[in-house]
Amino acid sequence: MSAITTHILDTTSGKAGAGIPVVLERRTHTAGWQAIAEGITDVDGRINDLLNTREAFLPGHYRLIFETGPYFLLQSIECFFPQVTVSFVVKDPVQHYHVPLLLSPFGYSTYRGS
């Protein structure tokens, strides 16, 4: 399992947010935000293999960018947030970081999961 994982729950339907592209970025001192991984949520709304084991997992600032607009567009649902960005800090790269997204067309919530 990846050191950083995520899942999306569509709170309007009570179902998994499947098929949503997600990009993981890390902030560097020299180049700013750099994309280091990407994936698409599976039928359960999860991405468990975002970082491969060869990728160095370092302390620092990270962010997940969820492309939610196309997900709602395919359902003919108007949304206010076509993209959701969640920034977080990794202090101990030995730990696992799970970042869920609870999503609706006009709001979202997140937390550090387990």
N, C-alpha and C. Protein backbone atom coordinates (compact mmCIF):
# COMPACT_ATOMS: atom_id res chain seq x y z
N MET A 1 0.84 -1.17 0.00
CA MET A 1 0.00 0.00 0.00
C MET A 1 0.89 1.24 0.00
N SER A 2 0.43 2.24 -0.68
CA SER A 2 1.13 3.52 -0.78
C SER A 2 1.19 4.22 0.58
N ALA A 3 2.21 5.06 0.77
CA ALA A 3 2.32 5.84 2.00
C ALA A 3 1.23 6.90 2.09
N ILE A 4 0.71 7.33 0.94
CA ILE A 4 -0.41 8.28 0.88
C ILE A 4 -1.53 7.62 0.10
N THR A 5 -2.70 7.53 0.72
CA THR A 5 -3.87 6.97 0.06
C THR A 5 -5.03 7.94 0.21
N THR A 6 -6.07 7.70 -0.58
CA THR A 6 -7.25 8.56 -0.51
C THR A 6 -8.49 7.77 -0.90
N HIS A 7 -9.61 8.29 -0.56
CA HIS A 7 -10.88 7.78 -1.09
C HIS A 7 -11.88 8.93 -1.09
N ILE A 8 -12.90 8.78 -1.94
CA ILE A 8 -13.92 9.82 -2.09
C ILE A 8 -15.28 9.19 -1.88
N LEU A 9 -16.07 9.84 -1.04
CA LEU A 9 -17.47 9.46 -0.84
C LEU A 9 -18.34 10.60 -1.29
N ASP A 10 -19.24 10.31 -2.22
CA ASP A 10 -20.22 11.29 -2.69
C ASP A 10 -21.34 11.30 -1.66
N THR A 11 -21.37 12.33 -0.83
CA THR A 11 -22.35 12.37 0.27
C THR A 11 -23.77 12.64 -0.21
N THR A 12 -23.93 13.10 -1.44
CA THR A 12 -25.27 13.32 -1.99
C THR A 12 -25.94 11.99 -2.29
N SER A 13 -25.18 11.08 -2.89
CA SER A 13 -25.74 9.78 -3.27
C SER A 13 -25.45 8.69 -2.24
N GLY A 14 -24.45 8.94 -1.37
CA GLY A 14 -24.04 7.92 -0.42
C GLY A 14 -23.20 6.83 -1.05
N LYS A 15 -22.67 7.11 -2.24
CA LYS A 15 -21.88 6.12 -2.98
C LYS A 15 -20.44 6.60 -3.15
N ALA A 16 -19.61 5.67 -3.53
CA ALA A 16 -18.20 5.99 -3.79
C ALA A 16 -18.07 6.94 -4.97
N GLY A 17 -17.09 7.83 -4.88
CA GLY A 17 -16.78 8.74 -5.99
C GLY A 17 -15.80 8.05 -6.93
N ALA A 18 -16.32 7.26 -7.84
CA ALA A 18 -15.49 6.47 -8.75
C ALA A 18 -15.11 7.27 -9.99
N GLY A 19 -13.93 6.99 -10.53
CA GLY A 19 -13.50 7.58 -11.80
C GLY A 19 -13.02 9.02 -11.70
N ILE A 20 -12.61 9.45 -10.53
CA ILE A 20 -12.16 10.85 -10.34
C ILE A 20 -10.63 10.90 -10.40
N PRO A 21 -10.07 11.67 -11.34
CA PRO A 21 -8.61 11.81 -11.40
C PRO A 21 -8.08 12.60 -10.21
N VAL A 22 -6.93 12.15 -9.69
CA VAL A 22 -6.29 12.78 -8.54
C VAL A 22 -4.79 12.91 -8.83
N VAL A 23 -4.25 14.08 -8.53
CA VAL A 23 -2.81 14.33 -8.68
C VAL A 23 -2.23 14.61 -7.31
N LEU A 24 -1.09 13.99 -7.02
CA LEU A 24 -0.36 14.25 -5.78
C LEU A 24 0.85 15.12 -6.12
N GLU A 25 0.99 16.23 -5.40
CA GLU A 25 2.12 17.13 -5.61
C GLU A 25 2.90 17.31 -4.31
N ARG A 26 4.21 17.57 -4.46
CA ARG A 26 5.07 17.88 -3.31
C ARG A 26 5.72 19.23 -3.58
N ARG A 27 5.79 20.05 -2.55
CA ARG A 27 6.41 21.37 -2.71
C ARG A 27 7.92 21.24 -2.47
N THR A 28 8.68 21.80 -3.41
CA THR A 28 10.13 21.81 -3.27
C THR A 28 10.60 23.24 -3.07
N HIS A 29 11.78 23.39 -2.53
CA HIS A 29 12.33 24.73 -2.28
C HIS A 29 12.71 25.43 -3.58
N THR A 30 13.12 24.67 -4.57
CA THR A 30 13.63 25.28 -5.80
C THR A 30 12.59 25.44 -6.90
N ALA A 31 11.70 24.47 -7.03
CA ALA A 31 10.78 24.48 -8.18
C ALA A 31 9.32 24.65 -7.81
N GLY A 32 9.01 24.87 -6.54
CA GLY A 32 7.61 25.01 -6.15
C GLY A 32 6.91 23.65 -6.14
N TRP A 33 5.64 23.64 -6.49
CA TRP A 33 4.85 22.40 -6.49
C TRP A 33 5.21 21.55 -7.69
N GLN A 34 5.49 20.27 -7.44
CA GLN A 34 5.85 19.31 -8.47
C GLN A 34 4.93 18.09 -8.38
N ALA A 35 4.32 17.71 -9.49
CA ALA A 35 3.50 16.50 -9.51
C ALA A 35 4.42 15.29 -9.35
N ILE A 36 4.08 14.41 -8.41
CA ILE A 36 4.89 13.22 -8.19
C ILE A 36 4.12 11.92 -8.41
N ALA A 37 2.79 12.02 -8.49
CA ALA A 37 1.97 10.83 -8.72
C ALA A 37 0.59 11.24 -9.18
N GLU A 38 -0.09 10.31 -9.80
CA GLU A 38 -1.48 10.55 -10.20
C GLU A 38 -2.20 9.22 -10.28
N GLY A 39 -3.50 9.29 -10.18
CA GLY A 39 -4.31 8.09 -10.26
C GLY A 39 -5.76 8.46 -10.47
N ILE A 40 -6.58 7.44 -10.61
CA ILE A 40 -8.03 7.59 -10.78
C ILE A 40 -8.71 6.70 -9.76
N THR A 41 -9.69 7.25 -9.05
CA THR A 41 -10.37 6.45 -8.04
C THR A 41 -11.05 5.24 -8.67
N ASP A 42 -10.97 4.12 -7.97
CA ASP A 42 -11.57 2.88 -8.46
C ASP A 42 -13.07 2.84 -8.16
N VAL A 43 -13.70 1.71 -8.39
CA VAL A 43 -15.15 1.60 -8.20
C VAL A 43 -15.56 1.82 -6.75
N ASP A 44 -14.63 1.64 -5.81
CA ASP A 44 -14.89 1.91 -4.40
C ASP A 44 -14.48 3.33 -4.01
N GLY A 45 -14.10 4.15 -5.00
CA GLY A 45 -13.71 5.53 -4.75
C GLY A 45 -12.32 5.66 -4.13
N ARG A 46 -11.50 4.62 -4.24
CA ARG A 46 -10.20 4.60 -3.56
C ARG A 46 -9.02 4.63 -4.54
N ILE A 47 -7.92 5.17 -4.02
CA ILE A 47 -6.62 5.03 -4.67
C ILE A 47 -5.66 4.57 -3.58
N ASN A 48 -5.25 3.31 -3.66
CA ASN A 48 -4.36 2.74 -2.66
C ASN A 48 -2.92 2.61 -3.14
N ASP A 49 -2.66 2.93 -4.41
CA ASP A 49 -1.33 2.75 -4.97
C ASP A 49 -0.78 4.04 -5.58
N LEU A 50 -1.05 5.15 -4.92
CA LEU A 50 -0.66 6.46 -5.46
C LEU A 50 0.86 6.60 -5.57
N LEU A 51 1.57 6.30 -4.53
CA LEU A 51 3.05 6.37 -4.56
C LEU A 51 3.60 4.96 -4.72
N ASN A 52 4.48 4.77 -5.69
CA ASN A 52 5.10 3.46 -5.80
C ASN A 52 6.22 3.35 -4.77
N THR A 53 6.65 2.16 -4.52
CA THR A 53 7.64 1.94 -3.47
C THR A 53 9.02 2.49 -3.83
N ARG A 54 9.25 2.80 -5.10
CA ARG A 54 10.53 3.37 -5.50
C ARG A 54 10.59 4.88 -5.28
N GLU A 55 9.44 5.52 -5.14
CA GLU A 55 9.39 6.97 -4.92
C GLU A 55 9.82 7.29 -3.50
N ALA A 56 10.76 8.22 -3.36
CA ALA A 56 11.22 8.63 -2.03
C ALA A 56 10.09 9.40 -1.34
N PHE A 57 9.74 8.97 -0.15
CA PHE A 57 8.69 9.63 0.63
C PHE A 57 9.37 10.43 1.72
N LEU A 58 9.35 11.74 1.59
CA LEU A 58 10.10 12.63 2.45
C LEU A 58 9.16 13.51 3.28
N PRO A 59 9.63 14.01 4.41
CA PRO A 59 8.84 15.01 5.15
C PRO A 59 8.65 16.24 4.25
N GLY A 60 7.54 16.94 4.46
CA GLY A 60 7.32 18.15 3.69
C GLY A 60 5.86 18.45 3.45
N HIS A 61 5.62 19.39 2.55
CA HIS A 61 4.28 19.83 2.21
C HIS A 61 3.81 19.09 0.95
N TYR A 62 2.61 18.55 1.03
CA TYR A 62 2.01 17.80 -0.07
C TYR A 62 0.61 18.35 -0.33
N ARG A 63 0.09 18.05 -1.50
CA ARG A 63 -1.32 18.37 -1.77
C ARG A 63 -1.88 17.36 -2.76
N LEU A 64 -3.15 17.06 -2.56
CA LEU A 64 -3.92 16.22 -3.48
C LEU A 64 -4.88 17.14 -4.23
N ILE A 65 -4.91 16.98 -5.54
CA ILE A 65 -5.81 17.77 -6.38
C ILE A 65 -6.82 16.81 -7.00
N PHE A 66 -8.07 16.98 -6.63
CA PHE A 66 -9.17 16.13 -7.09
C PHE A 66 -9.91 16.86 -8.21
N GLU A 67 -10.00 16.26 -9.39
CA GLU A 67 -10.72 16.84 -10.52
C GLU A 67 -12.18 16.39 -10.45
N THR A 68 -12.98 17.13 -9.72
CA THR A 68 -14.37 16.73 -9.44
C THR A 68 -15.37 17.18 -10.50
N GLY A 69 -15.02 18.18 -11.28
CA GLY A 69 -15.94 18.72 -12.29
C GLY A 69 -16.45 17.67 -13.27
N PRO A 70 -15.55 16.90 -13.92
CA PRO A 70 -16.02 15.89 -14.87
C PRO A 70 -16.91 14.82 -14.24
N TYR A 71 -16.63 14.48 -12.97
CA TYR A 71 -17.45 13.49 -12.26
C TYR A 71 -18.91 13.95 -12.20
N PHE A 72 -19.12 15.20 -11.80
CA PHE A 72 -20.48 15.72 -11.73
C PHE A 72 -21.08 15.96 -13.11
N LEU A 73 -20.27 16.41 -14.05
CA LEU A 73 -20.74 16.66 -15.42
C LEU A 73 -21.31 15.38 -16.04
N LEU A 74 -20.64 14.25 -15.82
CA LEU A 74 -21.14 12.98 -16.36
C LEU A 74 -22.49 12.59 -15.79
N GLN A 75 -22.82 13.13 -14.63
CA GLN A 75 -24.12 12.85 -14.00
C GLN A 75 -25.13 13.97 -14.26
N SER A 76 -24.74 14.94 -15.07
CA SER A 76 -25.57 16.11 -15.36
C SER A 76 -25.94 16.86 -14.08
N ILE A 77 -24.95 16.98 -13.18
CA ILE A 77 -25.15 17.69 -11.92
C ILE A 77 -24.26 18.93 -11.92
N GLU A 78 -24.87 20.07 -11.66
CA GLU A 78 -24.11 21.31 -11.53
C GLU A 78 -23.29 21.25 -10.25
N CYS A 79 -22.04 21.72 -10.32
CA CYS A 79 -21.22 21.76 -9.11
C CYS A 79 -20.55 23.12 -8.98
N PHE A 80 -20.24 23.48 -7.76
CA PHE A 80 -19.60 24.75 -7.48
C PHE A 80 -18.08 24.62 -7.43
N PHE A 81 -17.58 23.45 -7.03
CA PHE A 81 -16.14 23.20 -6.92
C PHE A 81 -15.72 22.18 -7.97
N PRO A 82 -15.29 22.61 -9.17
CA PRO A 82 -14.89 21.66 -10.20
C PRO A 82 -13.53 21.02 -9.90
N GLN A 83 -12.82 21.57 -8.93
CA GLN A 83 -11.53 21.03 -8.51
C GLN A 83 -11.39 21.28 -7.01
N VAL A 84 -10.91 20.27 -6.29
CA VAL A 84 -10.70 20.40 -4.85
C VAL A 84 -9.22 20.13 -4.57
N THR A 85 -8.58 21.06 -3.88
CA THR A 85 -7.18 20.90 -3.51
C THR A 85 -7.07 20.80 -1.99
N VAL A 86 -6.42 19.74 -1.53
CA VAL A 86 -6.24 19.51 -0.11
C VAL A 86 -4.74 19.48 0.17
N SER A 87 -4.27 20.46 0.93
CA SER A 87 -2.85 20.54 1.29
C SER A 87 -2.65 19.98 2.69
N PHE A 88 -1.51 19.32 2.91
CA PHE A 88 -1.23 18.75 4.22
C PHE A 88 0.28 18.63 4.40
N VAL A 89 0.69 18.42 5.65
CA VAL A 89 2.10 18.35 6.01
C VAL A 89 2.43 16.94 6.48
N VAL A 90 3.49 16.38 5.93
CA VAL A 90 4.02 15.09 6.36
C VAL A 90 5.23 15.37 7.24
N LYS A 91 5.13 14.99 8.49
CA LYS A 91 6.26 15.18 9.42
C LYS A 91 7.06 13.88 9.57
N ASP A 92 6.36 12.75 9.57
CA ASP A 92 7.01 11.46 9.77
C ASP A 92 6.71 10.54 8.58
N PRO A 93 7.64 10.39 7.65
CA PRO A 93 7.38 9.60 6.45
C PRO A 93 7.27 8.09 6.70
N VAL A 94 7.48 7.65 7.93
CA VAL A 94 7.29 6.24 8.26
C VAL A 94 5.80 5.93 8.43
N GLN A 95 5.02 6.94 8.78
CA GLN A 95 3.59 6.77 8.99
C GLN A 95 2.83 6.67 7.65
N HIS A 96 1.61 6.18 7.76
CA HIS A 96 0.70 6.14 6.62
C HIS A 96 -0.22 7.36 6.69
N TYR A 97 -0.44 8.00 5.55
CA TYR A 97 -1.31 9.18 5.49
C TYR A 97 -2.49 8.87 4.57
N HIS A 98 -3.69 8.83 5.17
CA HIS A 98 -4.91 8.59 4.40
C HIS A 98 -5.72 9.88 4.44
N VAL A 99 -6.06 10.39 3.25
CA VAL A 99 -6.75 11.68 3.14
C VAL A 99 -8.08 11.47 2.39
N PRO A 100 -9.18 11.23 3.11
CA PRO A 100 -10.47 11.05 2.48
C PRO A 100 -11.09 12.39 2.07
N LEU A 101 -11.96 12.33 1.08
CA LEU A 101 -12.71 13.51 0.65
C LEU A 101 -14.19 13.15 0.67
N LEU A 102 -14.97 13.88 1.46
CA LEU A 102 -16.43 13.76 1.46
C LEU A 102 -16.93 14.86 0.56
N LEU A 103 -17.63 14.50 -0.50
CA LEU A 103 -17.92 15.40 -1.59
C LEU A 103 -19.41 15.53 -1.87
N SER A 104 -19.83 16.76 -2.15
CA SER A 104 -21.17 17.02 -2.68
C SER A 104 -21.02 18.10 -3.74
N PRO A 105 -22.06 18.37 -4.53
CA PRO A 105 -21.92 19.36 -5.61
C PRO A 105 -21.58 20.77 -5.13
N PHE A 106 -21.93 21.10 -3.89
CA PHE A 106 -21.72 22.47 -3.42
C PHE A 106 -20.90 22.55 -2.13
N GLY A 107 -20.17 21.48 -1.82
CA GLY A 107 -19.32 21.49 -0.64
C GLY A 107 -18.47 20.25 -0.55
N TYR A 108 -17.50 20.30 0.35
CA TYR A 108 -16.66 19.15 0.61
C TYR A 108 -16.07 19.24 2.00
N SER A 109 -15.61 18.11 2.49
CA SER A 109 -14.96 18.04 3.79
C SER A 109 -13.85 16.99 3.70
N THR A 110 -12.85 17.15 4.53
CA THR A 110 -11.75 16.19 4.53
C THR A 110 -11.21 16.06 5.95
N TYR A 111 -10.40 15.04 6.18
CA TYR A 111 -9.79 14.81 7.48
C TYR A 111 -8.63 13.84 7.29
N ARG A 112 -7.82 13.69 8.31
CA ARG A 112 -6.77 12.67 8.24
C ARG A 112 -7.35 11.37 8.74
N GLY A 113 -7.42 10.42 7.86
CA GLY A 113 -7.98 9.12 8.20
C GLY A 113 -6.91 8.15 8.67
N SER A 114 -7.31 6.89 8.75
CA SER A 114 -6.36 5.87 9.18
C SER A 114 -6.29 4.75 8.16
